[in-house]
Amino acid sequence: MDMDKTIPRAPRRVKVALAISVAINLLVLGAVVGAGMHGDRDRKSFGNRGGDIAAIGIYGRALDRPDRRAISQRLREGRNDQGREIRAELGEFALEASEFLKQTPFDKDAFAGVLQRQQGLIKGRSDMMQNALVEQIASMTTEQRIEYANRLQELLDHGGRRRKHDRD
């Protein structure tokens, strides 16, 4: 046995890439498991803001309660069973990604392809939320839009958070 021979260590960039890949996989897996655990529970159980409204960020937080409900209703009408299908597809992507992560050598292009397909699915959902927001705002009167703009400006002035007494 020759004790002078050492096993070559993986370059630092490979270690960093692997760590990032594992972190992304855990995030995706966590999202899938969380969605599976929550199932089709009533959105009201998630607090004043439903998941759909939270997904449109500060624009959703600036809406008053009737407008948030109207957007949620538009989204429910537009998706029917699509939510279950999206969660199932995200789960399939996570399983596929998990298999790529286990392979040696790691095929970063295949893994990136899974993430690209997943991003496309999520982008489609995001586009639906954006369209619902635009339609809701377009249905507002001038006065309602000005009030909305003022609430949006207030959120911007307060770091994206509404004061508790201002919430509907």
Protein backbone atom coordinates (compact mmCIF):
# COMPACT_ATOMS: atom_id res chain seq x y z
CA MET A 1 0.00 0.00 0.00
CA ASP A 2 1.30 3.38 -0.95
CA MET A 3 0.41 5.88 1.77
CA ASP A 4 1.51 8.87 -0.31
CA LYS A 5 -1.44 8.54 -2.71
CA THR A 6 -4.34 10.75 -1.75
CA ILE A 7 -7.81 10.72 -3.12
CA PRO A 8 -8.37 13.90 -5.13
CA ARG A 9 -10.86 16.23 -3.49
CA ALA A 10 -13.78 17.67 -5.38
CA PRO A 11 -13.26 21.26 -6.48
CA ARG A 12 -14.95 23.90 -4.35
CA ARG A 13 -17.35 24.91 -7.14
CA VAL A 14 -18.65 21.33 -7.32
CA LYS A 15 -19.30 21.36 -3.58
CA VAL A 16 -21.08 24.71 -3.82
CA ALA A 17 -23.19 23.53 -6.76
CA LEU A 18 -24.15 20.38 -4.89
CA ALA A 19 -25.09 22.36 -1.78
CA ILE A 20 -27.26 24.71 -3.84
CA SER A 21 -28.88 21.77 -5.61
CA VAL A 22 -29.70 20.07 -2.33
CA ALA A 23 -31.10 23.33 -0.91
CA ILE A 24 -33.35 23.84 -3.92
CA ASN A 25 -34.50 20.25 -3.74
CA LEU A 26 -35.38 20.65 -0.07
CA LEU A 27 -37.33 23.84 -0.83
CA VAL A 28 -39.30 22.12 -3.57
CA LEU A 29 -39.90 19.07 -1.43
CA GLY A 30 -41.02 21.26 1.46
CA ALA A 31 -43.47 23.09 -0.79
CA VAL A 32 -44.89 19.83 -2.09
CA VAL A 33 -45.21 18.29 1.37
CA GLY A 34 -46.74 21.50 2.74
CA ALA A 35 -49.27 21.64 -0.08
CA GLY A 36 -50.10 17.99 0.45
CA MET A 37 -50.58 18.47 4.18
CA HIS A 38 -52.84 21.47 3.71
CA GLY A 39 -54.87 19.76 1.01
CA ASP A 40 -58.11 21.51 0.16
CA ARG A 41 -58.73 23.17 3.51
CA ASP A 42 -60.78 26.31 3.46
CA ARG A 43 -58.60 29.29 2.55
CA LYS A 44 -60.00 31.25 5.50
CA SER A 45 -58.02 28.99 7.81
CA PHE A 46 -54.82 30.60 6.54
CA GLY A 47 -55.60 34.00 8.05
CA ASN A 48 -56.95 37.19 6.56
CA ARG A 49 -54.94 36.80 3.36
CA GLY A 50 -55.42 33.66 1.32
CA GLY A 51 -52.48 32.06 -0.42
CA ASP A 52 -53.59 33.49 -3.75
CA ILE A 53 -53.65 37.05 -2.46
CA ALA A 54 -50.32 36.61 -0.70
CA ALA A 55 -48.86 35.46 -4.03
CA ILE A 56 -49.53 38.83 -5.63
CA GLY A 57 -47.62 40.46 -2.82
CA ILE A 58 -47.98 44.07 -1.85
CA TYR A 59 -50.70 44.61 -4.46
CA GLY A 60 -52.85 41.99 -2.74
CA ARG A 61 -52.18 43.43 0.71
CA ALA A 62 -53.31 46.87 -0.45
CA LEU A 63 -56.70 45.55 -1.56
CA ASP A 64 -59.67 45.86 0.75
CA ARG A 65 -61.46 42.69 1.89
CA PRO A 66 -64.24 42.65 -0.77
CA ASP A 67 -61.66 43.03 -3.56
CA ARG A 68 -59.48 40.26 -2.09
CA ARG A 69 -62.52 37.99 -1.93
CA ALA A 70 -63.50 38.84 -5.51
CA ILE A 71 -60.02 37.95 -6.77
CA SER A 72 -60.03 34.71 -4.82
CA GLN A 73 -63.43 33.88 -6.31
CA ARG A 74 -62.16 34.61 -9.84
CA LEU A 75 -59.22 32.31 -9.26
CA ARG A 76 -61.38 29.53 -7.80
CA GLU A 77 -63.72 29.71 -10.78
CA GLY A 78 -60.80 29.62 -13.19
CA ARG A 79 -58.97 26.67 -11.74
CA ASN A 80 -61.59 24.09 -10.69
CA ASP A 81 -59.47 20.98 -9.97
CA GLN A 82 -56.34 22.56 -11.37
CA GLY A 83 -54.91 23.15 -7.87
CA ARG A 84 -54.75 19.40 -7.21
CA GLU A 85 -53.24 18.80 -10.61
CA ILE A 86 -50.57 21.46 -10.06
CA ARG A 87 -49.65 20.01 -6.65
CA ALA A 88 -49.42 16.54 -8.18
CA GLU A 89 -47.24 17.80 -11.00
CA LEU A 90 -44.99 19.68 -8.57
CA GLY A 91 -44.65 16.43 -6.63
CA GLU A 92 -43.65 14.61 -9.81
CA PHE A 93 -41.05 17.29 -10.54
CA ALA A 94 -39.65 16.95 -7.02
CA LEU A 95 -39.39 13.17 -7.37
CA GLU A 96 -37.69 13.53 -10.75
CA ALA A 97 -35.29 16.11 -9.30
CA SER A 98 -34.57 13.80 -6.38
CA GLU A 99 -33.52 11.06 -8.78
CA PHE A 100 -31.17 13.40 -10.62
CA LEU A 101 -29.65 14.52 -7.32
CA LYS A 102 -28.82 10.90 -6.46
CA GLN A 103 -27.03 10.22 -9.73
CA THR A 104 -23.27 10.16 -10.02
CA PRO A 105 -22.04 12.03 -11.90
CA PHE A 106 -24.57 14.76 -11.25
CA ASP A 107 -26.30 15.85 -14.46
CA LYS A 108 -26.79 19.55 -13.84
CA ASP A 109 -28.47 20.12 -17.21
CA ALA A 110 -31.12 17.47 -16.49
CA PHE A 111 -31.69 18.90 -13.02
CA ALA A 112 -31.91 22.42 -14.45
CA GLY A 113 -34.46 21.12 -16.98
CA VAL A 114 -36.70 19.89 -14.17
CA LEU A 115 -36.48 23.27 -12.47
CA GLN A 116 -37.28 25.04 -15.77
CA ARG A 117 -40.40 22.92 -16.29
CA GLN A 118 -41.44 23.55 -12.70
CA GLN A 119 -40.91 27.28 -13.14
CA GLY A 120 -43.11 27.23 -16.24
CA LEU A 121 -45.92 25.62 -14.25
CA ILE A 122 -45.59 28.14 -11.44
CA LYS A 123 -45.40 31.04 -13.92
CA GLY A 124 -48.70 29.97 -15.45
CA ARG A 125 -50.34 30.15 -12.03
CA SER A 126 -48.71 33.52 -11.37
CA ASP A 127 -50.04 34.84 -14.69
CA MET A 128 -53.58 33.81 -13.70
CA MET A 129 -53.24 35.68 -10.40
CA GLN A 130 -51.92 38.76 -12.17
CA ASN A 131 -54.79 38.71 -14.65
CA ALA A 132 -57.33 38.41 -11.81
CA LEU A 133 -55.73 41.40 -10.07
CA VAL A 134 -55.79 43.50 -13.25
CA GLU A 135 -59.44 42.62 -13.92
CA GLN A 136 -60.44 43.49 -10.36
CA ILE A 137 -58.66 46.84 -10.48
CA ALA A 138 -60.17 47.57 -13.91
CA SER A 139 -63.64 47.04 -12.40
CA MET A 140 -63.04 49.68 -9.71
CA THR A 141 -64.45 53.17 -9.88
CA THR A 142 -62.01 56.07 -10.08
CA GLU A 143 -62.52 56.76 -6.38
CA GLN A 144 -61.88 53.11 -5.47
CA ARG A 145 -58.69 53.08 -7.54
CA ILE A 146 -57.48 56.26 -5.82
CA GLU A 147 -58.20 54.72 -2.39
CA TYR A 148 -56.36 51.58 -3.51
CA ALA A 149 -53.41 53.67 -4.71
CA ASN A 150 -53.32 55.45 -1.35
CA ARG A 151 -53.29 52.11 0.53
CA LEU A 152 -50.53 50.90 -1.77
CA GLN A 153 -48.50 54.04 -1.10
CA GLU A 154 -49.06 53.63 2.64
CA LEU A 155 -47.75 50.07 2.43
CA LEU A 156 -44.69 51.30 0.60
CA ASP A 157 -44.15 53.96 3.25
CA HIS A 158 -44.41 51.35 6.03
CA GLY A 159 -42.14 48.68 4.54
CA GLY A 160 -44.91 46.63 2.93
CA ARG A 161 -47.00 46.15 6.08
CA ARG A 162 -50.41 47.51 6.85
CA ARG A 163 -50.97 48.78 10.32
CA LYS A 164 -53.19 46.46 12.34
CA HIS A 165 -56.02 48.98 12.71
CA ASP A 166 -56.03 49.56 8.91
CA ARG A 167 -56.68 45.91 8.05
CA ASP A 168 -60.12 44.88 6.96
